[in-house]
Amino acid sequence: QVQLVESGGGSVQAGGSLRLSCAASRSISSFSYMNWYRQAPGKQRELVVNIPIGGSTYYSNTVKGRFTISKENAKNTVYLQMDSLKPEDTAVYYCYANDFQIDYWGQGTQVTVSS
């Protein structure tokens, strides 16, 4: 059973930065793609970043230019660097992975941005 563990969430003021981590229990190269989603209170879960392994990363328009993905294969970890945070970025952020057959989800990490 693959596990995804997110960390790095917290509370920051608008304009601040946070870096989220998603640590997988096996090589991230074994996945067809990984995503970051977020879900704000009372709203549907939305795709933030799509990371096809070996392909181009997709950023949603709401975060493009502010959020950046990086990977550390030796640690089986994907990072989501979030800069210029806005109150509307407040949400629970989830890491997701697909290995061509099965979907895996992390438990989520809370990000709160105050104005």
C-alpha atoms as a PDB file:
ATOM      1  CA  GLN A   1       0.000   0.000   0.000  1.00  0.00           C
ATOM      2  CA  VAL A   2       1.441   3.325  -1.078  1.00  0.00           C
ATOM      3  CA  GLN A   3       1.370   6.155   1.418  1.00  0.00           C
ATOM      4  CA  LEU A   4       1.533   9.849   0.673  1.00  0.00           C
ATOM      5  CA  VAL A   5       2.312  12.128   3.586  1.00  0.00           C
ATOM      6  CA  GLU A   6       1.911  15.879   3.272  1.00  0.00           C
ATOM      7  CA  SER A   7       3.560  18.365   5.562  1.00  0.00           C
ATOM      8  CA  GLY A   8       4.466  22.028   5.676  1.00  0.00           C
ATOM      9  CA  GLY A   9       1.070  23.612   6.075  1.00  0.00           C
ATOM     10  CA  GLY A  10       0.436  26.415   8.521  1.00  0.00           C
ATOM     11  CA  SER A  11      -0.751  29.955   8.956  1.00  0.00           C
ATOM     12  CA  VAL A  12       0.803  32.923   7.197  1.00  0.00           C
ATOM     13  CA  GLN A  13      -0.107  36.475   6.350  1.00  0.00           C
ATOM     14  CA  ALA A  14      -0.975  37.520   2.833  1.00  0.00           C
ATOM     15  CA  GLY A  15       2.135  37.888   0.737  1.00  0.00           C
ATOM     16  CA  GLY A  16       3.952  35.206   2.681  1.00  0.00           C
ATOM     17  CA  SER A  17       5.279  31.848   1.584  1.00  0.00           C
ATOM     18  CA  LEU A  18       4.971  28.214   2.519  1.00  0.00           C
ATOM     19  CA  ARG A  19       6.492  25.053   1.136  1.00  0.00           C
ATOM     20  CA  LEU A  20       4.419  21.902   1.203  1.00  0.00           C
ATOM     21  CA  SER A  21       5.972  18.463   0.952  1.00  0.00           C
ATOM     22  CA  CYS A  22       4.473  15.228  -0.272  1.00  0.00           C
ATOM     23  CA  ALA A  23       6.578  12.239   0.714  1.00  0.00           C
ATOM     24  CA  ALA A  24       5.733   8.955  -0.989  1.00  0.00           C
ATOM     25  CA  SER A  25       6.475   5.511   0.385  1.00  0.00           C
ATOM     26  CA  ARG A  26       7.987   4.461  -2.932  1.00  0.00           C
ATOM     27  CA  SER A  27       9.754   6.045  -5.878  1.00  0.00           C
ATOM     28  CA  ILE A  28       7.826   8.941  -7.360  1.00  0.00           C
ATOM     29  CA  SER A  29       9.115   7.831 -10.772  1.00  0.00           C
ATOM     30  CA  SER A  30       6.805   4.822 -10.470  1.00  0.00           C
ATOM     31  CA  PHE A  31       3.751   7.037 -10.767  1.00  0.00           C
ATOM     32  CA  SER A  32       2.213   8.106 -14.039  1.00  0.00           C
ATOM     33  CA  TYR A  33       1.458  11.472 -12.545  1.00  0.00           C
ATOM     34  CA  MET A  34       1.052  13.308  -9.276  1.00  0.00           C
ATOM     35  CA  ASN A  35      -1.223  16.214  -8.452  1.00  0.00           C
ATOM     36  CA  TRP A  36      -1.807  18.771  -5.770  1.00  0.00           C
ATOM     37  CA  TYR A  37      -5.423  19.565  -5.022  1.00  0.00           C
ATOM     38  CA  ARG A  38      -6.974  21.931  -2.544  1.00  0.00           C
ATOM     39  CA  GLN A  39     -10.363  22.230  -0.942  1.00  0.00           C
ATOM     40  CA  ALA A  40     -11.626  25.362   0.733  1.00  0.00           C
ATOM     41  CA  PRO A  41     -14.533  25.264   3.196  1.00  0.00           C
ATOM     42  CA  GLY A  42     -17.831  24.905   1.366  1.00  0.00           C
ATOM     43  CA  LYS A  43     -16.150  24.477  -2.009  1.00  0.00           C
ATOM     44  CA  GLN A  44     -15.328  21.594  -4.281  1.00  0.00           C
ATOM     45  CA  ARG A  45     -11.865  20.154  -4.420  1.00  0.00           C
ATOM     46  CA  GLU A  46      -9.896  21.801  -7.192  1.00  0.00           C
ATOM     47  CA  LEU A  47      -6.770  20.842  -9.090  1.00  0.00           C
ATOM     48  CA  VAL A  48      -3.858  23.138  -8.354  1.00  0.00           C
ATOM     49  CA  VAL A  49      -0.931  21.456 -10.071  1.00  0.00           C
ATOM     50  CA  ASN A  50      -0.598  18.428 -12.340  1.00  0.00           C
ATOM     51  CA  ILE A  51       2.808  16.780 -12.494  1.00  0.00           C
ATOM     52  CA  PRO A  52       3.090  14.141 -15.205  1.00  0.00           C
ATOM     53  CA  ILE A  53       6.208  12.139 -14.549  1.00  0.00           C
ATOM     54  CA  GLY A  54       8.401  12.962 -17.506  1.00  0.00           C
ATOM     55  CA  GLY A  55       6.081  15.612 -18.899  1.00  0.00           C
ATOM     56  CA  SER A  56       5.347  19.302 -18.474  1.00  0.00           C
ATOM     57  CA  THR A  57       3.863  20.537 -15.251  1.00  0.00           C
ATOM     58  CA  TYR A  58       0.457  22.195 -15.419  1.00  0.00           C
ATOM     59  CA  TYR A  59      -0.475  24.997 -13.038  1.00  0.00           C
ATOM     60  CA  SER A  60      -4.013  26.247 -12.650  1.00  0.00           C
ATOM     61  CA  ASN A  61      -4.526  29.867 -13.607  1.00  0.00           C
ATOM     62  CA  THR A  62      -5.230  30.775  -9.992  1.00  0.00           C
ATOM     63  CA  VAL A  63      -1.690  29.838  -8.900  1.00  0.00           C
ATOM     64  CA  LYS A  64       0.405  30.207 -12.040  1.00  0.00           C
ATOM     65  CA  GLY A  65       3.396  32.430 -11.412  1.00  0.00           C
ATOM     66  CA  ARG A  66       3.109  32.073  -7.636  1.00  0.00           C
ATOM     67  CA  PHE A  67       3.398  28.317  -7.015  1.00  0.00           C
ATOM     68  CA  THR A  68       6.299  26.151  -8.136  1.00  0.00           C
ATOM     69  CA  ILE A  69       6.818  22.410  -8.131  1.00  0.00           C
ATOM     70  CA  SER A  70      10.115  20.693  -7.447  1.00  0.00           C
ATOM     71  CA  LYS A  71      11.065  17.080  -6.930  1.00  0.00           C
ATOM     72  CA  GLU A  72      13.688  15.296  -4.889  1.00  0.00           C
ATOM     73  CA  ASN A  73      13.796  11.769  -6.249  1.00  0.00           C
ATOM     74  CA  ALA A  74      16.237  10.513  -3.632  1.00  0.00           C
ATOM     75  CA  LYS A  75      13.671  11.331  -0.951  1.00  0.00           C
ATOM     76  CA  ASN A  76      10.618  10.290  -2.991  1.00  0.00           C
ATOM     77  CA  THR A  77       9.276  13.756  -2.341  1.00  0.00           C
ATOM     78  CA  VAL A  78       7.500  16.433  -4.315  1.00  0.00           C
ATOM     79  CA  TYR A  79       7.480  20.003  -3.053  1.00  0.00           C
ATOM     80  CA  LEU A  80       4.964  22.754  -3.663  1.00  0.00           C
ATOM     81  CA  GLN A  81       6.543  26.163  -3.103  1.00  0.00           C
ATOM     82  CA  MET A  82       3.808  28.720  -2.571  1.00  0.00           C
ATOM     83  CA  ASP A  83       4.742  32.388  -2.768  1.00  0.00           C
ATOM     84  CA  SER A  84       2.727  35.599  -2.705  1.00  0.00           C
ATOM     85  CA  LEU A  85      -0.007  33.794  -0.849  1.00  0.00           C
ATOM     86  CA  LYS A  86      -3.492  35.265  -0.836  1.00  0.00           C
ATOM     87  CA  PRO A  87      -6.393  34.722   1.572  1.00  0.00           C
ATOM     88  CA  GLU A  88      -8.189  32.846  -1.209  1.00  0.00           C
ATOM     89  CA  ASP A  89      -5.405  30.247  -1.108  1.00  0.00           C
ATOM     90  CA  THR A  90      -6.726  29.141   2.279  1.00  0.00           C
ATOM     91  CA  ALA A  91      -7.652  25.479   1.988  1.00  0.00           C
ATOM     92  CA  VAL A  92      -6.675  21.953   2.845  1.00  0.00           C
ATOM     93  CA  TYR A  93      -4.052  20.849   0.333  1.00  0.00           C
ATOM     94  CA  TYR A  94      -3.937  17.230  -0.782  1.00  0.00           C
ATOM     95  CA  CYS A  95      -1.288  15.269  -2.580  1.00  0.00           C
ATOM     96  CA  TYR A  96      -2.443  12.674  -5.101  1.00  0.00           C
ATOM     97  CA  ALA A  97      -0.665  10.030  -7.167  1.00  0.00           C
ATOM     98  CA  ASN A  98      -1.691   7.541  -9.812  1.00  0.00           C
ATOM     99  CA  ASP A  99       0.390   4.526 -10.811  1.00  0.00           C
ATOM    100  CA  PHE A 100      -1.597   3.636 -13.945  1.00  0.00           C
ATOM    101  CA  GLN A 101      -3.974   1.516 -11.885  1.00  0.00           C
ATOM    102  CA  ILE A 102      -4.652   2.920  -8.448  1.00  0.00           C
ATOM    103  CA  ASP A 103      -5.313   6.358  -7.015  1.00  0.00           C
ATOM    104  CA  TYR A 104      -3.527   7.379  -3.837  1.00  0.00           C
ATOM    105  CA  TRP A 105      -4.325  10.331  -1.596  1.00  0.00           C
ATOM    106  CA  GLY A 106      -2.557  11.955   1.265  1.00  0.00           C
ATOM    107  CA  GLN A 107      -4.340  13.026   4.419  1.00  0.00           C
ATOM    108  CA  GLY A 108      -4.141  16.733   3.621  1.00  0.00           C
ATOM    109  CA  THR A 109      -2.433  19.692   5.220  1.00  0.00           C
ATOM    110  CA  GLN A 110      -4.124  22.944   6.204  1.00  0.00           C
ATOM    111  CA  VAL A 111      -2.960  26.246   4.760  1.00  0.00           C
ATOM    112  CA  THR A 112      -4.449  29.419   6.214  1.00  0.00           C
ATOM    113  CA  VAL A 113      -3.644  32.832   4.791  1.00  0.00           C
ATOM    114  CA  SER A 114      -4.798  35.872   6.713  1.00  0.00           C
ATOM    115  CA  SER A 115      -5.255  39.336   5.267  1.00  0.00           C
END
